[in-house]
Amino acid sequence: MDTHNKKLSLTAAEARFGYQVAARLTEGNEQLPADIAERLKGIRHMVADQHRLQRARHAHVMVSAHNATATLGGPGESSSWRLRLGLLLAIPTLLFGLYALQHYQQERFVRKIADIDTALLLDNLPPQAYVDPGFTSYLRQNDG
């Protein structure tokens, strides 16, 4: 995390330096002859175009209409194999998580049923009492 903050502060310092240089060049531009000023203007436009292309290469968006996927990545194929490896690991992890959740829910359900069966077997009342409508109304009156 610290290296990321250092990179951001370094990038900010570079940007400030660039703005200061640009300001100084703009101030001195008024004292230059017209032909040199035009050449410098053309060079500035060329550098700005190169900068835009470089930024576009570093953060390109590739949308593949063939298999309806969108990926963000940096230059080169390294991001492509990292993305594939991440997806390859994410799918089994997701499936394992779903299986574990289903297994947990099933165990919880079985424990609840077992607790009810144990209570029925250890109780002094016969099982027929639980299906008797009068007994059910008696239990409801005592709960309230």
N, C-alpha and C. Protein backbone atom coordinates (compact mmCIF):
# COMPACT_ATOMS: atom_id res chain seq x y z
N MET A 1 0.82 -1.19 0.00
CA MET A 1 0.00 0.00 0.00
C MET A 1 0.87 1.25 0.00
N ASP A 2 1.99 1.22 0.72
CA ASP A 2 2.88 2.37 0.78
C ASP A 2 3.49 2.68 -0.58
N THR A 3 3.85 1.65 -1.34
CA THR A 3 4.43 1.88 -2.66
C THR A 3 3.41 2.53 -3.59
N HIS A 4 2.14 2.18 -3.43
CA HIS A 4 1.10 2.80 -4.25
C HIS A 4 1.00 4.29 -3.92
N ASN A 5 1.04 4.64 -2.62
CA ASN A 5 0.98 6.05 -2.22
C ASN A 5 2.21 6.80 -2.70
N LYS A 6 3.38 6.15 -2.67
CA LYS A 6 4.60 6.80 -3.15
C LYS A 6 4.51 7.07 -4.64
N LYS A 7 3.94 6.09 -5.38
CA LYS A 7 3.79 6.28 -6.82
C LYS A 7 2.84 7.44 -7.11
N LEU A 8 1.75 7.52 -6.33
CA LEU A 8 0.80 8.61 -6.54
C LEU A 8 1.43 9.96 -6.24
N SER A 9 2.21 10.04 -5.15
CA SER A 9 2.84 11.31 -4.81
C SER A 9 3.92 11.66 -5.83
N LEU A 10 4.64 10.64 -6.34
CA LEU A 10 5.63 10.90 -7.37
C LEU A 10 4.95 11.38 -8.65
N THR A 11 3.84 10.78 -9.01
CA THR A 11 3.11 11.21 -10.19
C THR A 11 2.60 12.63 -10.02
N ALA A 12 2.12 12.97 -8.83
CA ALA A 12 1.64 14.32 -8.57
C ALA A 12 2.80 15.32 -8.65
N ALA A 13 3.96 14.94 -8.12
CA ALA A 13 5.12 15.83 -8.19
C ALA A 13 5.56 16.03 -9.63
N GLU A 14 5.52 14.95 -10.43
CA GLU A 14 5.87 15.07 -11.85
C GLU A 14 4.89 15.99 -12.57
N ALA A 15 3.62 15.88 -12.23
CA ALA A 15 2.61 16.73 -12.87
C ALA A 15 2.84 18.19 -12.50
N ARG A 16 3.12 18.46 -11.22
CA ARG A 16 3.40 19.84 -10.80
C ARG A 16 4.61 20.40 -11.54
N PHE A 17 5.67 19.58 -11.64
CA PHE A 17 6.87 20.02 -12.35
C PHE A 17 6.55 20.31 -13.81
N GLY A 18 5.76 19.46 -14.43
CA GLY A 18 5.37 19.67 -15.82
C GLY A 18 4.59 20.96 -16.01
N TYR A 19 3.68 21.25 -15.08
CA TYR A 19 2.91 22.50 -15.17
C TYR A 19 3.81 23.71 -14.98
N GLN A 20 4.79 23.60 -14.08
CA GLN A 20 5.72 24.72 -13.87
C GLN A 20 6.56 24.97 -15.11
N VAL A 21 7.05 23.88 -15.74
CA VAL A 21 7.85 24.04 -16.96
C VAL A 21 7.00 24.64 -18.07
N ALA A 22 5.76 24.16 -18.20
CA ALA A 22 4.86 24.69 -19.23
C ALA A 22 4.60 26.18 -19.00
N ALA A 23 4.42 26.57 -17.75
CA ALA A 23 4.18 27.98 -17.45
C ALA A 23 5.39 28.83 -17.82
N ARG A 24 6.58 28.33 -17.49
CA ARG A 24 7.80 29.08 -17.83
C ARG A 24 7.98 29.19 -19.35
N LEU A 25 7.68 28.11 -20.05
CA LEU A 25 7.79 28.15 -21.51
C LEU A 25 6.79 29.11 -22.11
N THR A 26 5.60 29.16 -21.55
CA THR A 26 4.57 30.07 -22.05
C THR A 26 4.99 31.52 -21.80
N GLU A 27 5.59 31.79 -20.64
CA GLU A 27 6.06 33.15 -20.35
C GLU A 27 7.13 33.59 -21.34
N GLY A 28 8.07 32.67 -21.63
CA GLY A 28 9.16 33.02 -22.54
C GLY A 28 8.75 32.99 -23.99
N ASN A 29 7.60 32.45 -24.30
CA ASN A 29 7.12 32.32 -25.66
C ASN A 29 6.86 33.68 -26.30
N GLU A 30 6.50 34.68 -25.50
CA GLU A 30 6.19 36.01 -26.04
C GLU A 30 7.44 36.71 -26.56
N GLN A 31 8.60 36.32 -26.06
CA GLN A 31 9.85 36.99 -26.45
C GLN A 31 10.50 36.34 -27.67
N LEU A 32 9.98 35.19 -28.11
CA LEU A 32 10.56 34.47 -29.24
C LEU A 32 10.06 35.01 -30.57
N PRO A 33 10.85 34.82 -31.62
CA PRO A 33 10.37 35.19 -32.96
C PRO A 33 9.20 34.31 -33.37
N ALA A 34 8.40 34.76 -34.32
CA ALA A 34 7.17 34.08 -34.72
C ALA A 34 7.43 32.69 -35.28
N ASP A 35 8.48 32.49 -36.08
CA ASP A 35 8.74 31.18 -36.68
C ASP A 35 9.13 30.15 -35.63
N ILE A 36 9.92 30.55 -34.64
CA ILE A 36 10.30 29.62 -33.57
C ILE A 36 9.09 29.30 -32.69
N ALA A 37 8.25 30.28 -32.43
CA ALA A 37 7.05 30.06 -31.64
C ALA A 37 6.12 29.06 -32.32
N GLU A 38 6.01 29.15 -33.66
CA GLU A 38 5.17 28.21 -34.40
C GLU A 38 5.74 26.79 -34.35
N ARG A 39 7.08 26.67 -34.46
CA ARG A 39 7.71 25.35 -34.38
C ARG A 39 7.49 24.75 -32.99
N LEU A 40 7.64 25.57 -31.96
CA LEU A 40 7.41 25.07 -30.59
C LEU A 40 5.95 24.66 -30.39
N LYS A 41 5.05 25.40 -30.99
CA LYS A 41 3.63 25.06 -30.89
C LYS A 41 3.37 23.70 -31.54
N GLY A 42 3.97 23.46 -32.70
CA GLY A 42 3.82 22.17 -33.37
C GLY A 42 4.40 21.03 -32.54
N ILE A 43 5.55 21.27 -31.91
CA ILE A 43 6.17 20.25 -31.05
C ILE A 43 5.28 19.96 -29.85
N ARG A 44 4.69 21.00 -29.27
CA ARG A 44 3.79 20.80 -28.12
C ARG A 44 2.59 19.93 -28.51
N HIS A 45 2.04 20.19 -29.68
CA HIS A 45 0.91 19.38 -30.15
C HIS A 45 1.33 17.93 -30.37
N MET A 46 2.52 17.74 -30.91
CA MET A 46 3.02 16.39 -31.16
C MET A 46 3.23 15.65 -29.83
N VAL A 47 3.81 16.32 -28.85
CA VAL A 47 4.03 15.70 -27.54
C VAL A 47 2.70 15.39 -26.86
N ALA A 48 1.73 16.29 -26.97
CA ALA A 48 0.42 16.05 -26.37
C ALA A 48 -0.25 14.84 -27.01
N ASP A 49 -0.13 14.69 -28.33
CA ASP A 49 -0.70 13.53 -29.02
C ASP A 49 -0.03 12.24 -28.57
N GLN A 50 1.30 12.26 -28.45
CA GLN A 50 2.02 11.08 -27.98
C GLN A 50 1.61 10.72 -26.55
N HIS A 51 1.42 11.74 -25.72
CA HIS A 51 1.00 11.49 -24.34
C HIS A 51 -0.37 10.84 -24.30
N ARG A 52 -1.29 11.32 -25.15
CA ARG A 52 -2.62 10.72 -25.20
C ARG A 52 -2.55 9.26 -25.64
N LEU A 53 -1.73 8.97 -26.64
CA LEU A 53 -1.58 7.59 -27.10
C LEU A 53 -0.99 6.70 -26.01
N GLN A 54 -0.01 7.23 -25.27
CA GLN A 54 0.62 6.45 -24.20
C GLN A 54 -0.40 6.15 -23.09
N ARG A 55 -1.20 7.13 -22.73
CA ARG A 55 -2.22 6.90 -21.70
C ARG A 55 -3.25 5.90 -22.18
N ALA A 56 -3.59 5.95 -23.46
CA ALA A 56 -4.57 5.01 -24.00
C ALA A 56 -4.01 3.59 -23.99
N ARG A 57 -2.71 3.45 -24.21
CA ARG A 57 -2.10 2.12 -24.17
C ARG A 57 -2.07 1.57 -22.76
N HIS A 58 -1.85 2.41 -21.77
CA HIS A 58 -1.73 1.93 -20.39
C HIS A 58 -3.06 1.53 -19.79
N ALA A 59 -4.13 2.14 -20.21
CA ALA A 59 -5.44 1.81 -19.66
C ALA A 59 -6.41 1.59 -20.81
N HIS A 60 -6.21 0.54 -21.56
CA HIS A 60 -7.09 0.29 -22.69
C HIS A 60 -8.27 -0.57 -22.27
N VAL A 61 -9.31 -0.40 -23.00
CA VAL A 61 -10.51 -1.18 -22.77
C VAL A 61 -10.73 -2.02 -24.01
N MET A 62 -10.81 -3.33 -23.79
CA MET A 62 -11.01 -4.21 -24.92
C MET A 62 -12.36 -4.89 -24.76
N VAL A 63 -13.22 -4.65 -25.67
CA VAL A 63 -14.54 -5.25 -25.63
C VAL A 63 -14.61 -6.25 -26.78
N SER A 64 -14.90 -7.47 -26.41
CA SER A 64 -14.99 -8.52 -27.42
C SER A 64 -16.46 -8.84 -27.64
N ALA A 65 -16.96 -8.50 -28.79
CA ALA A 65 -18.37 -8.76 -29.09
C ALA A 65 -18.61 -10.23 -29.37
N HIS A 66 -17.55 -10.95 -29.70
CA HIS A 66 -17.70 -12.37 -30.05
C HIS A 66 -18.20 -13.18 -28.87
N ASN A 67 -17.55 -13.01 -27.71
CA ASN A 67 -18.00 -13.79 -26.54
C ASN A 67 -18.56 -12.89 -25.45
N ALA A 68 -18.93 -11.67 -25.80
CA ALA A 68 -19.62 -10.73 -24.91
C ALA A 68 -18.91 -10.55 -23.59
N THR A 69 -17.61 -10.25 -23.65
CA THR A 69 -16.87 -9.96 -22.43
C THR A 69 -16.20 -8.62 -22.57
N ALA A 70 -15.99 -7.98 -21.44
CA ALA A 70 -15.26 -6.72 -21.40
C ALA A 70 -14.16 -6.86 -20.37
N THR A 71 -12.94 -6.49 -20.75
CA THR A 71 -11.82 -6.61 -19.83
C THR A 71 -11.06 -5.30 -19.80
N LEU A 72 -10.53 -4.98 -18.64
CA LEU A 72 -9.65 -3.84 -18.48
C LEU A 72 -8.26 -4.39 -18.23
N GLY A 73 -7.28 -3.83 -18.88
CA GLY A 73 -5.94 -4.34 -18.66
C GLY A 73 -4.90 -3.37 -19.11
N GLY A 74 -3.68 -3.65 -18.73
CA GLY A 74 -2.55 -2.84 -19.13
C GLY A 74 -1.95 -3.38 -20.41
N PRO A 75 -0.79 -2.84 -20.78
CA PRO A 75 -0.17 -3.28 -22.02
C PRO A 75 0.37 -4.69 -21.91
N GLY A 76 0.39 -5.40 -23.02
CA GLY A 76 0.99 -6.73 -23.05
C GLY A 76 0.02 -7.82 -22.69
N GLU A 77 0.52 -9.03 -22.74
CA GLU A 77 -0.30 -10.20 -22.46
C GLU A 77 -0.28 -10.60 -21.00
N SER A 78 0.55 -9.96 -20.17
CA SER A 78 0.64 -10.37 -18.77
C SER A 78 -0.69 -10.20 -18.05
N SER A 79 -1.43 -9.13 -18.36
CA SER A 79 -2.72 -8.94 -17.71
C SER A 79 -3.73 -9.97 -18.19
N SER A 80 -3.58 -10.43 -19.42
CA SER A 80 -4.51 -11.41 -19.95
C SER A 80 -4.38 -12.75 -19.22
N TRP A 81 -3.17 -13.22 -18.99
CA TRP A 81 -3.02 -14.50 -18.29
C TRP A 81 -3.37 -14.36 -16.83
N ARG A 82 -3.14 -13.18 -16.25
CA ARG A 82 -3.53 -12.98 -14.85
C ARG A 82 -5.05 -13.00 -14.71
N LEU A 83 -5.72 -12.39 -15.66
CA LEU A 83 -7.18 -12.39 -15.64
C LEU A 83 -7.71 -13.81 -15.79
N ARG A 84 -7.15 -14.56 -16.71
CA ARG A 84 -7.60 -15.94 -16.91
C ARG A 84 -7.33 -16.79 -15.68
N LEU A 85 -6.16 -16.60 -15.05
CA LEU A 85 -5.84 -17.35 -13.84
C LEU A 85 -6.81 -16.99 -12.72
N GLY A 86 -7.12 -15.69 -12.61
CA GLY A 86 -8.08 -15.26 -11.59
C GLY A 86 -9.45 -15.87 -11.80
N LEU A 87 -9.91 -15.88 -13.04
CA LEU A 87 -11.21 -16.50 -13.33
C LEU A 87 -11.17 -18.00 -13.10
N LEU A 88 -10.05 -18.61 -13.46
CA LEU A 88 -9.91 -20.05 -13.28
C LEU A 88 -9.96 -20.42 -11.80
N LEU A 89 -9.40 -19.58 -10.95
CA LEU A 89 -9.44 -19.85 -9.51
C LEU A 89 -10.76 -19.41 -8.88
N ALA A 90 -11.40 -18.40 -9.44
CA ALA A 90 -12.64 -17.89 -8.85
C ALA A 90 -13.80 -18.87 -9.01
N ILE A 91 -13.87 -19.52 -10.14
CA ILE A 91 -15.00 -20.42 -10.40
C ILE A 91 -15.01 -21.61 -9.44
N PRO A 92 -13.89 -22.34 -9.25
CA PRO A 92 -13.93 -23.44 -8.27
C PRO A 92 -14.16 -22.94 -6.84
N THR A 93 -13.63 -21.78 -6.53
CA THR A 93 -13.85 -21.22 -5.19
C THR A 93 -15.33 -20.93 -4.98
N LEU A 94 -15.98 -20.36 -5.98
CA LEU A 94 -17.41 -20.08 -5.89
C LEU A 94 -18.21 -21.38 -5.75
N LEU A 95 -17.87 -22.37 -6.54
CA LEU A 95 -18.57 -23.66 -6.46
C LEU A 95 -18.37 -24.32 -5.10
N PHE A 96 -17.15 -24.27 -4.57
CA PHE A 96 -16.90 -24.83 -3.25
C PHE A 96 -17.70 -24.09 -2.18
N GLY A 97 -17.77 -22.77 -2.29
CA GLY A 97 -18.55 -21.99 -1.33
C GLY A 97 -20.02 -22.33 -1.37
N LEU A 98 -20.56 -22.50 -2.58
CA LEU A 98 -21.97 -22.88 -2.70
C LEU A 98 -22.22 -24.27 -2.12
N TYR A 99 -21.30 -25.20 -2.37
CA TYR A 99 -21.43 -26.55 -1.82
C TYR A 99 -21.37 -26.51 -0.29
N ALA A 100 -20.42 -25.74 0.26
CA ALA A 100 -20.29 -25.64 1.72
C ALA A 100 -21.54 -25.03 2.33
N LEU A 101 -22.10 -24.01 1.69
CA LEU A 101 -23.32 -23.38 2.20
C LEU A 101 -24.50 -24.35 2.17
N GLN A 102 -24.63 -25.10 1.10
CA GLN A 102 -25.72 -26.08 1.00
C GLN A 102 -25.55 -27.17 2.05
N HIS A 103 -24.31 -27.62 2.25
CA HIS A 103 -24.04 -28.65 3.25
C HIS A 103 -24.36 -28.14 4.66
N TYR A 104 -23.99 -26.89 4.95
CA TYR A 104 -24.28 -26.29 6.25
C TYR A 104 -25.79 -26.19 6.48
N GLN A 105 -26.52 -25.73 5.47
CA GLN A 105 -27.98 -25.60 5.61
C GLN A 105 -28.63 -26.97 5.82
N GLN A 106 -28.15 -27.97 5.11
CA GLN A 106 -28.71 -29.31 5.26
C GLN A 106 -28.42 -29.86 6.66
N GLU A 107 -27.21 -29.66 7.16
CA GLU A 107 -26.88 -30.12 8.52
C GLU A 107 -27.74 -29.41 9.56
N ARG A 108 -27.98 -28.12 9.38
CA ARG A 108 -28.83 -27.37 10.31
C ARG A 108 -30.25 -27.91 10.30
N PHE A 109 -30.78 -28.21 9.12
CA PHE A 109 -32.12 -28.75 9.00
C PHE A 109 -32.21 -30.11 9.68
N VAL A 110 -31.21 -30.96 9.48
CA VAL A 110 -31.22 -32.30 10.08
C VAL A 110 -31.14 -32.18 11.60
N ARG A 111 -30.33 -31.25 12.11
CA ARG A 111 -30.24 -31.06 13.56
C ARG A 111 -31.58 -30.62 14.16
N LYS A 112 -32.29 -29.72 13.45
CA LYS A 112 -33.59 -29.26 13.95
C LYS A 112 -34.57 -30.43 14.01
N ILE A 113 -34.60 -31.23 12.97
CA ILE A 113 -35.50 -32.39 12.94
C ILE A 113 -35.12 -33.37 14.06
N ALA A 114 -33.83 -33.58 14.26
CA ALA A 114 -33.37 -34.50 15.31
C ALA A 114 -33.76 -33.98 16.68
N ASP A 115 -33.67 -32.66 16.90
CA ASP A 115 -34.07 -32.09 18.18
C ASP A 115 -35.57 -32.30 18.43
N ILE A 116 -36.38 -32.12 17.38
CA ILE A 116 -37.82 -32.34 17.52
C ILE A 116 -38.11 -33.80 17.83
N ASP A 117 -37.45 -34.72 17.14
CA ASP A 117 -37.64 -36.16 17.39
C ASP A 117 -37.22 -36.53 18.81
N THR A 118 -36.11 -35.96 19.26
CA THR A 118 -35.64 -36.26 20.62
C THR A 118 -36.64 -35.74 21.66
N ALA A 119 -37.17 -34.54 21.43
CA ALA A 119 -38.15 -33.98 22.37
C ALA A 119 -39.41 -34.85 22.40
N LEU A 120 -39.83 -35.33 21.24
CA LEU A 120 -41.02 -36.20 21.20
C LEU A 120 -40.78 -37.51 21.94
N LEU A 121 -39.61 -38.08 21.76
CA LEU A 121 -39.33 -39.37 22.40
C LEU A 121 -39.13 -39.25 23.91
N LEU A 122 -38.60 -38.13 24.36
CA LEU A 122 -38.35 -37.96 25.80
C LEU A 122 -39.54 -37.38 26.55
N ASP A 123 -40.53 -36.89 25.83
CA ASP A 123 -41.68 -36.27 26.47
C ASP A 123 -42.60 -37.35 27.05
N ASN A 124 -43.38 -36.96 28.08
CA ASN A 124 -44.31 -37.89 28.73
C ASN A 124 -45.61 -38.06 27.95
N LEU A 125 -45.87 -37.12 27.03
CA LEU A 125 -47.11 -37.21 26.25
C LEU A 125 -46.96 -38.22 25.12
N PRO A 126 -48.06 -38.89 24.80
CA PRO A 126 -48.00 -39.79 23.64
C PRO A 126 -48.01 -38.95 22.35
N PRO A 127 -47.46 -39.47 21.27
CA PRO A 127 -47.42 -38.71 20.00
C PRO A 127 -48.80 -38.32 19.48
N GLN A 128 -49.86 -39.10 19.82
CA GLN A 128 -51.19 -38.78 19.33
C GLN A 128 -51.69 -37.46 19.93
N ALA A 129 -51.15 -37.04 21.07
CA ALA A 129 -51.59 -35.80 21.69
C ALA A 129 -51.21 -34.60 20.84
N TYR A 130 -50.10 -34.71 20.12
CA TYR A 130 -49.66 -33.58 19.30
C TYR A 130 -50.54 -33.36 18.08
N VAL A 131 -51.22 -34.34 17.60
CA VAL A 131 -52.11 -34.19 16.45
C VAL A 131 -53.54 -33.90 16.87
N ASP A 132 -53.84 -33.96 18.14
CA ASP A 132 -55.18 -33.67 18.65
C ASP A 132 -55.44 -32.16 18.52
N PRO A 133 -56.55 -31.73 17.86
CA PRO A 133 -56.83 -30.30 17.69
C PRO A 133 -57.05 -29.58 19.03
N GLY A 134 -57.59 -30.24 20.00
CA GLY A 134 -57.80 -29.63 21.31
C GLY A 134 -56.48 -29.32 22.00
N PHE A 135 -55.52 -30.21 21.86
CA PHE A 135 -54.21 -30.00 22.48
C PHE A 135 -53.48 -28.83 21.82
N THR A 136 -53.65 -28.70 20.50
CA THR A 136 -53.00 -27.58 19.78
C THR A 136 -53.59 -26.26 20.25
N SER A 137 -54.93 -26.19 20.44
CA SER A 137 -55.53 -24.95 20.92
C SER A 137 -55.12 -24.69 22.36
N TYR A 138 -54.96 -25.72 23.17
CA TYR A 138 -54.49 -25.58 24.54
C TYR A 138 -53.08 -24.96 24.57
N LEU A 139 -52.21 -25.44 23.67
CA LEU A 139 -50.85 -24.88 23.60
C LEU A 139 -50.86 -23.42 23.16
N ARG A 140 -51.74 -23.09 22.23
CA ARG A 140 -51.82 -21.69 21.78
C ARG A 140 -52.31 -20.76 22.87
N GLN A 141 -53.26 -21.23 23.69
CA GLN A 141 -53.78 -20.40 24.79
C GLN A 141 -52.71 -20.18 25.85
N ASN A 142 -51.89 -21.16 26.11
CA ASN A 142 -50.85 -21.01 27.12
C ASN A 142 -49.65 -20.18 26.65
N ASP A 143 -49.43 -20.10 25.34
CA ASP A 143 -48.35 -19.28 24.81
C ASP A 143 -48.67 -17.80 24.90
N GLY A 144 -49.89 -17.44 24.74
CA GLY A 144 -50.30 -16.04 24.68
C GLY A 144 -50.49 -15.38 25.97
